[in-house]
N, C-alpha and C. Protein backbone atom coordinates (compact mmCIF):
# COMPACT_ATOMS: atom_id res chain seq x y z
N MET A 1 0.93 -0.91 0.12
CA MET A 1 0.09 -0.26 -0.20
C MET A 1 0.88 1.20 -0.05
N SER A 2 0.42 2.12 -0.72
CA SER A 2 1.48 3.03 -0.82
C SER A 2 0.35 4.29 -0.57
N PHE A 3 1.44 5.54 0.40
CA PHE A 3 0.80 6.70 0.91
C PHE A 3 0.51 7.94 0.19
N ILE A 4 0.22 8.89 0.35
CA ILE A 4 0.40 10.12 -0.34
C ILE A 4 0.35 10.89 0.90
N ALA A 5 0.62 12.00 1.31
CA ALA A 5 1.13 13.07 2.12
C ALA A 5 0.95 14.67 1.73
N GLY A 6 0.23 15.20 2.39
CA GLY A 6 0.47 16.13 2.37
C GLY A 6 0.79 17.30 3.25
N ILE A 7 1.67 18.83 2.75
CA ILE A 7 2.26 19.66 4.17
C ILE A 7 1.71 21.07 3.72
N ASP A 8 1.53 21.79 4.78
CA ASP A 8 1.07 23.20 5.05
C ASP A 8 1.35 23.33 6.44
N GLU A 9 1.23 25.21 6.18
CA GLU A 9 1.36 25.84 7.73
C GLU A 9 0.52 26.61 7.94
N ALA A 10 0.46 27.11 9.15
CA ALA A 10 -1.00 27.78 9.64
C ALA A 10 -0.08 28.92 10.78
N GLY A 11 -0.21 30.07 10.34
CA GLY A 11 0.52 31.20 11.65
C GLY A 11 1.87 31.74 11.16
N ARG A 12 2.02 31.56 9.72
CA ARG A 12 3.42 31.89 9.26
C ARG A 12 3.80 33.61 9.74
N GLY A 13 2.67 34.71 9.41
CA GLY A 13 2.47 36.13 9.28
C GLY A 13 2.19 36.72 10.70
N PRO A 14 1.69 36.15 11.58
CA PRO A 14 1.53 36.17 12.43
C PRO A 14 2.93 37.41 13.17
N MET A 15 2.47 38.38 14.45
CA MET A 15 3.48 38.62 15.18
C MET A 15 3.40 38.58 16.49
N ILE A 16 2.52 37.62 17.05
CA ILE A 16 2.04 36.86 18.03
C ILE A 16 2.15 35.24 17.91
N GLY A 17 2.74 34.60 18.64
CA GLY A 17 2.24 33.16 18.67
C GLY A 17 3.19 32.30 17.59
N PRO A 18 3.15 31.21 17.90
CA PRO A 18 4.09 30.37 16.91
C PRO A 18 3.44 29.91 15.50
N MET A 19 4.07 29.74 15.35
CA MET A 19 3.86 28.73 13.35
C MET A 19 4.17 27.12 13.94
N VAL A 20 2.75 26.42 13.37
CA VAL A 20 2.60 25.28 13.46
C VAL A 20 3.00 24.48 11.46
N ILE A 21 3.46 23.81 11.57
CA ILE A 21 3.56 22.63 10.21
C ILE A 21 2.96 21.79 10.23
N ALA A 22 2.19 21.38 9.48
CA ALA A 22 1.32 19.56 9.90
C ALA A 22 1.67 18.87 8.83
N MET A 23 1.63 17.70 8.97
CA MET A 23 1.90 16.92 8.17
C MET A 23 0.31 15.98 7.92
N VAL A 24 -0.66 15.36 7.01
CA VAL A 24 -1.05 14.68 7.07
C VAL A 24 -0.69 13.47 5.62
N TYR A 25 -0.79 11.98 6.13
CA TYR A 25 -0.49 10.90 4.83
C TYR A 25 -1.63 9.84 5.33
N CYS A 26 -2.15 9.62 3.79
CA CYS A 26 -3.50 8.71 4.05
C CYS A 26 -2.93 8.21 2.66
N PRO A 27 -3.47 6.33 3.00
CA PRO A 27 -3.12 5.31 1.78
C PRO A 27 -4.12 6.38 0.44
N GLY A 28 -3.59 6.07 -0.77
CA GLY A 28 -4.06 6.68 -1.80
C GLY A 28 -5.34 6.93 -2.14
N GLU A 29 -6.12 5.58 -2.01
CA GLU A 29 -7.51 5.47 -2.13
C GLU A 29 -8.34 6.19 -1.08
N LYS A 30 -7.72 6.90 -0.15
CA LYS A 30 -8.96 7.63 0.83
C LYS A 30 -8.88 9.02 0.44
N LEU A 31 -8.33 9.38 -0.78
CA LEU A 31 -8.55 10.70 -1.28
C LEU A 31 -10.32 11.24 -1.41
N LYS A 32 -10.94 10.31 -2.14
CA LYS A 32 -12.21 10.02 -2.51
C LYS A 32 -12.96 10.44 -0.84
N LEU A 33 -12.67 9.44 0.07
CA LEU A 33 -13.09 9.69 0.84
C LEU A 33 -12.97 11.00 1.86
N LEU A 34 -11.82 11.63 1.86
CA LEU A 34 -11.68 13.11 2.53
C LEU A 34 -12.58 14.21 2.01
N ALA A 35 -12.64 14.19 0.10
CA ALA A 35 -13.33 14.83 -0.26
C ALA A 35 -14.85 14.95 -0.09
N SER A 36 -15.73 13.59 0.20
CA SER A 36 -16.44 13.54 0.75
C SER A 36 -17.20 13.93 2.06
N LEU A 37 -15.99 14.01 3.06
CA LEU A 37 -16.25 14.24 4.19
C LEU A 37 -15.90 16.04 4.28
N GLY A 38 -15.31 16.42 3.32
CA GLY A 38 -15.26 17.71 3.07
C GLY A 38 -14.19 18.48 3.65
N PHE A 39 -12.93 17.94 3.41
CA PHE A 39 -11.73 18.43 3.46
C PHE A 39 -11.41 19.32 2.62
N LYS A 40 -10.74 20.36 2.71
CA LYS A 40 -10.25 21.40 1.88
C LYS A 40 -9.44 22.28 2.43
N ASP A 41 -8.95 23.62 1.77
CA ASP A 41 -8.06 24.66 2.14
C ASP A 41 -9.22 24.96 3.40
N SER A 42 -8.34 25.14 4.57
CA SER A 42 -8.64 25.56 6.18
C SER A 42 -9.52 26.83 6.00
N LYS A 43 -8.89 27.60 5.26
CA LYS A 43 -9.94 29.16 4.96
C LYS A 43 -10.94 28.94 4.38
N LYS A 44 -11.40 28.15 3.93
CA LYS A 44 -12.71 27.26 3.21
C LYS A 44 -13.72 26.79 4.33
N VAL A 45 -13.27 26.58 5.37
CA VAL A 45 -14.05 25.70 6.52
C VAL A 45 -14.20 26.79 7.95
N ALA A 46 -15.62 26.71 8.48
CA ALA A 46 -15.53 26.87 9.47
C ALA A 46 -15.13 26.36 10.45
N PRO A 47 -14.50 26.87 11.84
CA PRO A 47 -13.72 27.04 12.89
C PRO A 47 -14.33 25.21 13.70
N SER A 48 -15.60 25.40 13.84
CA SER A 48 -16.03 24.49 14.37
C SER A 48 -16.04 22.79 13.55
N THR A 49 -16.04 22.83 12.14
CA THR A 49 -16.17 21.59 11.47
C THR A 49 -14.60 21.67 11.17
N ARG A 50 -13.34 22.69 10.99
CA ARG A 50 -12.15 22.11 10.98
C ARG A 50 -11.53 21.42 12.40
N ARG A 51 -12.79 21.88 13.56
CA ARG A 51 -11.81 20.97 14.68
C ARG A 51 -12.36 19.43 14.37
N ARG A 52 -13.49 19.52 13.97
CA ARG A 52 -14.63 17.89 13.81
C ARG A 52 -13.72 17.00 12.93
N LEU A 53 -13.33 17.77 12.14
CA LEU A 53 -12.16 17.17 10.69
C LEU A 53 -10.96 16.67 10.97
N ALA A 54 -10.28 17.49 12.20
CA ALA A 54 -9.08 17.54 12.39
C ALA A 54 -9.39 15.92 13.36
N LYS A 55 -9.90 15.98 13.95
CA LYS A 55 -10.21 14.46 15.04
C LYS A 55 -10.46 13.34 14.25
N ILE A 56 -11.13 13.45 13.17
CA ILE A 56 -11.15 11.91 12.50
C ILE A 56 -10.53 11.74 11.67
N LEU A 57 -9.35 12.24 11.31
CA LEU A 57 -8.20 11.57 10.10
C LEU A 57 -7.88 9.81 11.04
N PRO A 58 -7.72 9.79 12.02
CA PRO A 58 -6.80 8.66 12.62
C PRO A 58 -7.93 7.74 12.57
N SER A 59 -9.23 8.34 12.66
CA SER A 59 -9.89 6.73 12.77
C SER A 59 -10.12 6.50 11.08
N ILE A 60 -10.05 7.15 10.18
CA ILE A 60 -10.06 6.71 8.55
C ILE A 60 -9.07 6.43 8.08
N GLY A 61 -7.96 6.04 8.77
CA GLY A 61 -6.78 5.57 8.49
C GLY A 61 -5.67 6.40 7.87
N CYS A 62 -5.55 7.56 8.02
CA CYS A 62 -4.64 8.30 8.09
C CYS A 62 -3.83 9.02 9.48
N GLY A 63 -2.76 9.54 8.86
CA GLY A 63 -1.81 9.83 10.13
C GLY A 63 -1.36 11.05 10.13
N VAL A 64 -1.13 11.40 10.91
CA VAL A 64 -0.99 12.76 11.10
C VAL A 64 0.76 13.37 12.07
N GLU A 65 1.71 14.47 11.89
CA GLU A 65 2.70 14.95 12.45
C GLU A 65 2.43 16.14 12.37
N LYS A 66 2.80 16.75 13.41
CA LYS A 66 2.89 18.34 13.56
C LYS A 66 4.62 18.50 14.32
N VAL A 67 4.66 19.79 13.94
CA VAL A 67 6.10 20.62 14.48
C VAL A 67 5.91 21.82 14.81
N ILE A 68 5.89 22.35 16.28
CA ILE A 68 5.40 23.61 16.47
C ILE A 68 6.69 24.81 16.89
N VAL A 69 6.25 25.57 15.89
CA VAL A 69 7.65 26.65 15.65
C VAL A 69 7.72 27.78 16.88
N GLU A 70 8.46 27.89 17.41
CA GLU A 70 8.40 29.06 18.42
C GLU A 70 8.42 30.15 18.22
N PRO A 71 8.19 31.78 18.47
CA PRO A 71 8.76 32.76 17.98
C PRO A 71 10.27 33.12 17.71
N HIS A 72 10.90 32.61 19.38
CA HIS A 72 12.37 33.10 19.32
C HIS A 72 13.44 31.85 18.06
N LEU A 73 12.42 30.88 17.92
CA LEU A 73 13.36 30.19 16.38
C LEU A 73 12.84 31.09 15.08
N ILE A 74 11.66 31.37 15.02
CA ILE A 74 11.14 32.57 13.94
C ILE A 74 12.24 33.84 13.74
N ASP A 75 12.44 34.23 14.84
CA ASP A 75 13.21 35.51 14.80
C ASP A 75 14.38 34.75 14.27
N CYS A 76 15.16 33.87 15.07
CA CYS A 76 16.54 33.87 14.38
C CYS A 76 16.54 33.20 12.98
N ALA A 77 15.65 32.99 12.43
CA ALA A 77 15.80 32.28 11.16
C ALA A 77 15.51 33.75 10.37
N VAL A 78 14.90 34.82 10.87
CA VAL A 78 14.56 35.45 10.05
C VAL A 78 15.63 36.70 10.26
N LYS A 79 16.73 36.54 11.22
CA LYS A 79 17.77 37.42 11.02
C LYS A 79 18.92 36.69 10.45
N GLY A 80 18.55 35.35 9.91
CA GLY A 80 19.66 34.70 9.39
C GLY A 80 20.96 34.09 9.98
N GLU A 81 20.70 33.81 11.70
CA GLU A 81 21.54 33.41 12.22
C GLU A 81 21.37 31.62 12.46
N CYS A 82 20.56 31.47 12.60
CA CYS A 82 20.44 29.68 12.85
C CYS A 82 19.72 29.24 11.63
N TYR A 83 19.43 29.62 10.24
CA TYR A 83 18.65 29.56 9.20
C TYR A 83 18.95 30.69 8.37
N GLN A 84 19.42 30.00 6.73
CA GLN A 84 19.41 31.27 5.89
C GLN A 84 18.28 32.30 5.83
N ASN A 85 17.01 31.73 5.97
CA ASN A 85 15.91 32.91 6.26
C ASN A 85 14.30 31.55 7.01
N LEU A 86 13.36 32.35 6.66
CA LEU A 86 12.26 31.63 6.82
C LEU A 86 11.95 30.71 6.31
N ASN A 87 11.94 30.76 5.05
CA ASN A 87 11.40 29.77 4.25
C ASN A 87 12.51 28.60 4.56
N TYR A 88 13.70 28.88 4.64
CA TYR A 88 14.72 27.86 4.80
C TYR A 88 14.65 26.81 6.25
N LEU A 89 13.84 27.41 7.05
CA LEU A 89 13.47 27.22 8.54
C LEU A 89 12.29 26.51 8.13
N GLU A 90 11.07 26.75 7.25
CA GLU A 90 10.26 25.77 6.90
C GLU A 90 10.51 24.84 5.94
N ALA A 91 11.50 24.75 5.06
CA ALA A 91 11.72 23.79 4.09
C ALA A 91 12.68 22.56 5.55
N ALA A 92 13.48 23.03 6.32
CA ALA A 92 14.00 21.82 7.42
C ALA A 92 12.80 21.41 8.26
N MET A 93 12.06 22.01 7.96
CA MET A 93 11.14 21.36 9.11
C MET A 93 10.30 20.45 8.61
N ALA A 94 9.22 20.76 7.65
CA ALA A 94 8.61 20.22 6.44
C ALA A 94 9.69 18.50 5.98
N ALA A 95 10.98 18.80 5.39
CA ALA A 95 11.83 17.69 5.57
C ALA A 95 12.00 17.04 7.06
N GLY A 96 11.93 17.68 8.25
CA GLY A 96 11.92 16.96 9.11
C GLY A 96 10.94 16.09 9.55
N LEU A 97 9.63 16.23 9.13
CA LEU A 97 8.30 15.41 9.26
C LEU A 97 8.61 14.39 8.45
N ILE A 98 8.88 14.52 7.03
CA ILE A 98 8.80 13.56 5.78
C ILE A 98 10.01 12.62 6.22
N ASN A 99 11.08 12.83 6.70
CA ASN A 99 12.00 12.01 7.02
C ASN A 99 11.57 10.97 8.33
N LYS A 100 10.84 11.45 9.10
CA LYS A 100 10.10 10.86 10.10
C LYS A 100 9.27 9.90 9.72
N VAL A 101 8.26 10.45 8.90
CA VAL A 101 6.93 9.27 8.50
C VAL A 101 7.86 8.30 7.56
N ALA A 102 8.50 8.45 6.80
CA ALA A 102 9.10 7.56 5.96
C ALA A 102 9.92 6.36 6.73
N GLN A 103 10.25 6.78 7.51
CA GLN A 103 11.05 5.79 8.61
C GLN A 103 10.03 4.26 8.28
N SER A 104 8.50 4.44 8.55
CA SER A 104 8.12 3.40 8.67
C SER A 104 6.75 3.21 7.80
N ILE A 105 6.72 4.36 6.88
CA ILE A 105 5.51 4.72 5.87
C ILE A 105 5.82 4.40 4.71
N PRO A 106 5.45 3.81 3.72
CA PRO A 106 6.16 4.12 2.32
C PRO A 106 5.37 5.08 1.56
N LEU A 107 6.27 6.18 1.68
CA LEU A 107 5.29 7.35 0.97
C LEU A 107 5.99 7.48 -0.46
N GLU A 108 4.55 7.76 -1.12
CA GLU A 108 4.98 7.57 -2.81
C GLU A 108 5.20 9.40 -3.18
N THR A 109 4.16 10.12 -2.66
CA THR A 109 4.43 11.59 -3.51
C THR A 109 3.89 12.37 -2.27
N VAL A 110 5.15 13.31 -1.81
CA VAL A 110 4.14 14.23 -0.65
C VAL A 110 3.83 15.64 -1.12
N TYR A 111 2.81 16.27 -1.05
CA TYR A 111 2.33 17.48 -1.83
C TYR A 111 2.53 18.56 -0.85
N ILE A 112 3.77 19.98 -0.88
CA ILE A 112 3.64 20.64 -0.47
C ILE A 112 3.55 22.06 -1.24
N ASP A 113 2.51 23.00 0.10
CA ASP A 113 2.37 24.57 -0.38
C ASP A 113 3.46 25.24 0.09
N SER A 114 3.82 25.55 -1.24
CA SER A 114 5.23 26.60 -1.02
C SER A 114 4.98 28.27 -0.67
N PRO A 115 5.57 27.88 0.39
CA PRO A 115 5.76 30.00 0.84
C PRO A 115 6.57 30.74 0.24
N ASP A 116 7.46 29.83 -0.79
CA ASP A 116 8.48 30.63 -1.85
C ASP A 116 8.10 30.94 -2.84
N PRO A 117 7.91 31.90 -3.58
CA PRO A 117 6.90 32.50 -4.69
C PRO A 117 7.25 31.81 -5.81
N VAL A 118 8.98 30.82 -5.31
CA VAL A 118 9.37 30.51 -6.49
C VAL A 118 9.35 28.75 -6.19
N PRO A 119 8.71 28.16 -5.99
CA PRO A 119 8.66 26.83 -5.83
C PRO A 119 9.32 25.88 -5.74
N ASP A 120 9.73 26.10 -7.07
CA ASP A 120 11.24 24.91 -7.48
C ASP A 120 12.32 25.01 -6.83
N ARG A 121 12.54 26.75 -6.15
CA ARG A 121 13.61 26.62 -4.89
C ARG A 121 13.59 26.16 -3.62
N TYR A 122 11.97 25.90 -3.34
CA TYR A 122 11.06 25.61 -1.71
C TYR A 122 11.76 24.00 -1.95
N ALA A 123 11.27 23.85 -2.97
CA ALA A 123 11.14 22.02 -3.43
C ALA A 123 13.10 21.68 -3.49
N GLU A 124 14.02 22.23 -4.23
CA GLU A 124 15.03 22.09 -3.76
C GLU A 124 15.75 21.66 -2.60
N ALA A 125 15.48 23.09 -1.93
CA ALA A 125 15.91 23.05 0.20
C ALA A 125 14.99 21.96 0.69
N VAL A 126 13.70 21.33 0.38
CA VAL A 126 13.27 20.49 1.34
C VAL A 126 13.94 19.17 0.73
N LYS A 127 14.40 18.80 -0.88
CA LYS A 127 14.74 17.72 -1.12
C LYS A 127 16.38 17.84 -0.71
N SER A 128 17.33 18.54 -0.40
CA SER A 128 18.25 18.67 -0.22
C SER A 128 18.58 18.21 1.34
N LEU A 129 17.45 17.85 1.88
CA LEU A 129 17.41 17.74 3.74
C LEU A 129 17.04 16.01 3.88
N LEU A 130 16.24 15.80 2.51
CA LEU A 130 16.11 14.48 2.69
C LEU A 130 16.86 13.02 2.68
N LYS A 131 16.15 12.16 4.20
CA LYS A 131 17.05 11.26 4.16
C LYS A 131 16.71 9.86 3.17
N ILE A 132 15.87 10.18 3.07
CA ILE A 132 14.82 9.13 2.00
C ILE A 132 14.46 9.54 0.39
N PRO A 133 14.87 9.02 -0.54
CA PRO A 133 14.07 10.03 -1.46
C PRO A 133 12.64 9.58 -1.83
N VAL A 134 11.97 10.77 -1.46
CA VAL A 134 10.55 11.08 -1.86
C VAL A 134 9.96 11.65 -2.68
N ARG A 135 9.32 11.41 -3.81
CA ARG A 135 8.59 12.23 -5.07
C ARG A 135 7.78 13.52 -4.12
N LEU A 136 8.36 14.64 -4.75
CA LEU A 136 7.62 15.66 -4.16
C LEU A 136 7.05 16.74 -5.48
N VAL A 137 5.71 17.38 -4.75
CA VAL A 137 4.92 18.49 -5.51
C VAL A 137 4.57 19.15 -5.05
N VAL A 138 5.63 20.34 -5.42
CA VAL A 138 6.03 21.72 -4.40
C VAL A 138 5.16 22.79 -5.16
N GLU A 139 3.96 23.67 -4.76
CA GLU A 139 3.33 24.76 -5.82
C GLU A 139 2.73 25.46 -4.56
N ASN A 140 2.45 26.74 -5.37
CA ASN A 140 2.07 27.67 -4.27
C ASN A 140 0.33 27.63 -4.39
N HIS A 141 -0.25 27.76 -3.02
CA HIS A 141 -1.35 27.27 -2.98
C HIS A 141 -2.31 26.23 -3.16
N ALA A 142 -1.06 25.34 -2.91
CA ALA A 142 -1.09 23.72 -2.98
C ALA A 142 -2.40 23.47 -2.06
N ASP A 143 -2.71 24.44 -1.08
CA ASP A 143 -3.89 23.76 -0.15
C ASP A 143 -5.34 23.90 -0.99
N GLU A 144 -5.39 24.84 -2.13
CA GLU A 144 -6.53 25.07 -2.89
C GLU A 144 -6.56 23.72 -3.59
N LYS A 145 -5.44 23.31 -3.97
CA LYS A 145 -5.48 22.30 -5.21
C LYS A 145 -5.19 20.91 -5.10
N TYR A 146 -4.77 20.22 -3.29
CA TYR A 146 -4.74 19.35 -3.22
C TYR A 146 -5.56 19.16 -1.98
N ILE A 147 -6.32 18.02 -1.88
CA ILE A 147 -7.46 17.96 -0.27
C ILE A 147 -6.08 17.45 0.43
N ILE A 148 -5.73 16.35 -0.11
CA ILE A 148 -4.53 15.90 1.01
C ILE A 148 -3.75 17.14 1.47
N VAL A 149 -3.37 18.51 0.99
CA VAL A 149 -2.33 19.45 1.50
C VAL A 149 -4.13 20.61 2.17
N GLY A 150 -4.98 20.16 1.69
CA GLY A 150 -6.44 20.96 2.60
C GLY A 150 -6.68 20.84 3.75
N ALA A 151 -6.00 19.05 4.27
CA ALA A 151 -6.02 18.56 5.31
C ALA A 151 -5.12 18.82 5.89
N ALA A 152 -4.20 19.21 5.66
CA ALA A 152 -2.91 19.47 6.08
C ALA A 152 -2.86 20.91 7.02
N SER A 153 -3.13 21.77 6.16
CA SER A 153 -3.98 23.13 6.20
C SER A 153 -5.06 23.12 7.48
N ILE A 154 -5.96 22.15 7.59
CA ILE A 154 -7.34 22.04 8.46
C ILE A 154 -5.94 21.63 10.06
N VAL A 155 -5.76 20.84 10.03
CA VAL A 155 -4.73 20.18 11.25
C VAL A 155 -3.72 21.40 11.88
N ALA A 156 -3.03 22.06 10.83
CA ALA A 156 -2.18 23.14 11.47
C ALA A 156 -2.79 23.91 11.96
N LYS A 157 -3.88 24.63 11.37
CA LYS A 157 -5.22 25.51 11.99
C LYS A 157 -5.42 25.41 13.36
N VAL A 158 -6.06 23.86 13.52
CA VAL A 158 -6.60 23.64 14.31
C VAL A 158 -5.55 23.66 15.61
N GLU A 159 -4.68 23.25 15.47
CA GLU A 159 -3.73 23.43 16.37
C GLU A 159 -3.31 24.65 16.80
N ARG A 160 -2.88 25.55 16.08
CA ARG A 160 -2.23 27.05 16.39
C ARG A 160 -3.32 27.60 16.61
N ASP A 161 -4.48 27.30 16.49
CA ASP A 161 -5.91 28.05 17.33
C ASP A 161 -5.83 27.31 18.79
N SER A 162 -5.89 26.42 19.04
CA SER A 162 -5.83 25.47 20.44
C SER A 162 -4.47 26.56 21.14
N ILE A 163 -3.07 26.38 20.84
CA ILE A 163 -2.46 27.18 21.06
C ILE A 163 -2.52 28.74 21.69
N ILE A 164 -3.04 29.19 20.70
CA ILE A 164 -3.45 30.66 20.68
C ILE A 164 -4.27 30.67 22.07
N GLU A 165 -5.49 29.91 21.95
CA GLU A 165 -6.54 30.11 22.94
C GLU A 165 -6.01 29.85 24.38
N GLU A 166 -4.72 28.85 24.40
CA GLU A 166 -4.01 28.71 25.81
C GLU A 166 -3.08 29.67 26.74
N LEU A 167 -2.38 30.43 25.19
CA LEU A 167 -1.78 31.78 25.55
C LEU A 167 -2.58 32.82 26.11
N LYS A 168 -3.82 33.34 25.81
CA LYS A 168 -4.85 34.01 26.17
C LYS A 168 -5.00 33.61 27.63
N LYS A 169 -5.06 32.63 27.97
CA LYS A 169 -5.37 32.57 29.39
C LYS A 169 -4.29 33.16 30.47
N THR A 170 -2.72 33.20 29.75
CA THR A 170 -1.74 33.90 30.53
C THR A 170 -1.67 35.31 29.92
N TYR A 171 -1.63 35.69 28.81
CA TYR A 171 -1.27 36.92 28.29
C TYR A 171 -2.76 37.73 28.43
N GLY A 172 -4.01 37.17 28.23
CA GLY A 172 -4.85 38.03 27.94
C GLY A 172 -5.36 37.87 26.37
N ASP A 173 -6.62 38.54 26.38
CA ASP A 173 -6.95 38.35 24.70
C ASP A 173 -6.22 39.46 23.75
N PHE A 174 -5.21 38.90 23.18
CA PHE A 174 -4.66 39.49 22.27
C PHE A 174 -5.08 39.23 20.44
N GLY A 175 -6.28 38.83 20.46
CA GLY A 175 -6.91 38.80 19.27
C GLY A 175 -6.49 37.56 18.58
N SER A 176 -6.17 37.63 16.86
CA SER A 176 -5.44 36.41 16.28
C SER A 176 -3.83 36.43 16.12
N GLY A 177 -2.94 37.71 16.77
CA GLY A 177 -2.03 38.08 16.88
C GLY A 177 -1.69 37.98 15.53
N TYR A 178 -2.28 38.51 14.27
CA TYR A 178 -1.92 39.03 13.14
C TYR A 178 -2.05 40.30 13.14
N PRO A 179 -0.97 41.35 12.63
CA PRO A 179 -0.48 42.65 12.64
C PRO A 179 -1.77 44.02 12.06
N SER A 180 -2.49 43.04 11.49
CA SER A 180 -3.90 43.44 10.79
C SER A 180 -5.34 43.89 11.64
N ASP A 181 -4.25 43.09 12.47
CA ASP A 181 -6.17 42.97 13.78
C ASP A 181 -5.98 43.97 14.87
N PRO A 182 -7.03 44.76 14.64
CA PRO A 182 -6.89 46.21 15.64
C PRO A 182 -6.56 45.44 17.28
N LYS A 183 -7.59 44.87 17.62
CA LYS A 183 -7.15 44.20 18.66
C LYS A 183 -5.65 43.52 19.46
N THR A 184 -5.33 42.71 18.11
CA THR A 184 -3.58 42.72 18.40
C THR A 184 -2.57 43.80 18.66
N LYS A 185 -3.00 44.92 17.96
CA LYS A 185 -2.14 45.92 17.68
C LYS A 185 -2.70 46.95 18.80
N ARG A 186 -3.51 46.71 19.23
CA ARG A 186 -3.98 47.37 20.72
C ARG A 186 -3.10 46.61 22.16
N PHE A 187 -3.13 45.19 21.91
CA PHE A 187 -2.55 44.44 23.15
C PHE A 187 -1.06 45.09 23.08
N ALA A 188 -0.43 45.18 21.66
CA ALA A 188 0.97 45.27 21.75
C ALA A 188 1.20 46.77 22.19
N VAL A 189 0.20 47.94 21.84
CA VAL A 189 0.70 49.05 22.57
C VAL A 189 0.29 48.88 23.91
N GLU A 190 -0.34 47.93 24.28
CA GLU A 190 -0.67 48.38 25.85
C GLU A 190 0.82 47.94 26.72
N TRP A 191 1.08 46.45 25.96
CA TRP A 191 1.75 45.99 26.33
C TRP A 191 3.09 46.60 26.75
N LEU A 192 3.35 47.26 25.60
CA LEU A 192 4.94 48.32 25.59
C LEU A 192 4.81 49.20 26.42
N LYS A 193 3.79 50.00 26.74
CA LYS A 193 3.58 50.86 27.82
C LYS A 193 4.26 50.46 29.44
N LYS A 194 3.65 49.46 29.25
CA LYS A 194 3.93 48.62 30.63
C LYS A 194 5.04 47.84 30.53
N ASN A 195 5.75 47.34 29.80
CA ASN A 195 7.44 46.34 29.65
C ASN A 195 7.89 47.12 29.09
N PRO A 196 9.24 47.15 28.46
CA PRO A 196 10.05 47.66 27.82
C PRO A 196 10.42 47.01 26.41
N GLU A 197 9.94 45.75 26.65
CA GLU A 197 10.53 44.53 25.84
C GLU A 197 9.11 43.99 25.28
N PRO A 198 8.65 43.54 24.21
CA PRO A 198 7.66 42.50 23.91
C PRO A 198 7.65 41.30 24.24
N PRO A 199 6.52 40.47 24.72
CA PRO A 199 6.33 39.36 25.27
C PRO A 199 6.71 38.22 24.88
N PRO A 200 7.61 37.02 25.89
CA PRO A 200 7.89 35.87 25.16
C PRO A 200 7.32 35.49 23.74
N ILE A 201 6.12 35.92 23.88
CA ILE A 201 5.22 35.12 22.58
C ILE A 201 5.52 35.44 21.31
N ALA A 202 5.93 36.64 21.93
CA ALA A 202 6.16 37.83 20.01
C ALA A 202 7.17 37.36 19.08
N ARG A 203 6.94 37.77 17.95
CA ARG A 203 8.10 37.54 17.08
C ARG A 203 8.73 39.25 16.77
N LYS A 204 9.58 39.04 17.79
CA LYS A 204 10.08 40.71 18.03
C LYS A 204 11.00 41.12 16.78
N GLU A 205 11.50 40.45 15.47
CA GLU A 205 11.88 41.04 14.07
C GLU A 205 10.81 41.37 13.77
N TRP A 206 9.63 40.90 13.81
CA TRP A 206 8.79 41.68 13.19
C TRP A 206 8.51 42.99 12.93
N ASP A 207 8.15 43.77 11.95
CA ASP A 207 8.34 45.20 11.54
C ASP A 207 7.30 45.97 12.38
N SER A 208 6.30 45.35 13.21
CA SER A 208 5.29 45.61 13.77
C SER A 208 5.56 45.95 15.18
N TRP A 209 6.39 45.01 15.31
CA TRP A 209 6.98 45.32 16.94
C TRP A 209 7.87 46.42 16.71
N LYS A 210 8.90 46.29 16.31
CA LYS A 210 9.51 47.27 15.75
C LYS A 210 9.36 48.88 15.51
N LYS A 211 8.47 48.88 14.78
CA LYS A 211 7.89 50.62 14.87
C LYS A 211 7.45 51.01 15.86
N LEU A 212 6.43 49.85 16.70
CA LEU A 212 6.39 50.26 17.71
C LEU A 212 7.52 50.89 19.15
N LEU A 213 8.55 49.78 18.66
CA LEU A 213 9.46 50.36 19.81
C LEU A 213 10.40 51.32 19.42
N GLY A 214 9.76 51.61 18.34
CA GLY A 214 11.19 52.97 17.26
C GLY A 214 11.85 52.57 16.87
N LYS A 215 12.20 50.87 16.45
CA LYS A 215 13.56 50.77 15.88
C LYS A 215 13.36 51.05 14.23
């Protein structure tokens, strides 16, 4: 039995909170079932439906792997100190997921949503880090084109949303964490009125924080 897999992330752009990269892998014949159950790009699925879909994957014979990329590591990559850049950090995490699963699952093809506007460049970065040869299909907007990537986008989104809700128990309601969110902006402004530095959950290398700090 050969498996196909999809990889996508949630939370690349926020100024607060981690990024989650998820991989969903299923036997190839399960694709029609995924479609009939309503799996698609997470942006087109209501939050309650996303949570329900993410839970049922194991029961239909699909596997899930996730990696949580904390803000300090994202900052390190943006500065080019621990990875060449943020895209290369994502490529390393994606390759890590593939390497882990491929040890025990016969992966035929892995479909990946490319964060790089030049997908071939991102594909080469991932491929260079693979320990086992796997066919890669790397495209922009892959979450809209391939159900298996849509499933990964749902898992990543549900996981990040869960983490954000937990963080709010400690830090208060900071909204979505995205710079475009008025609630997130207000939180950042109020935080810096009382503290000299952004909170530990912040991506300090984001321009949104630097502008508030006058850097």
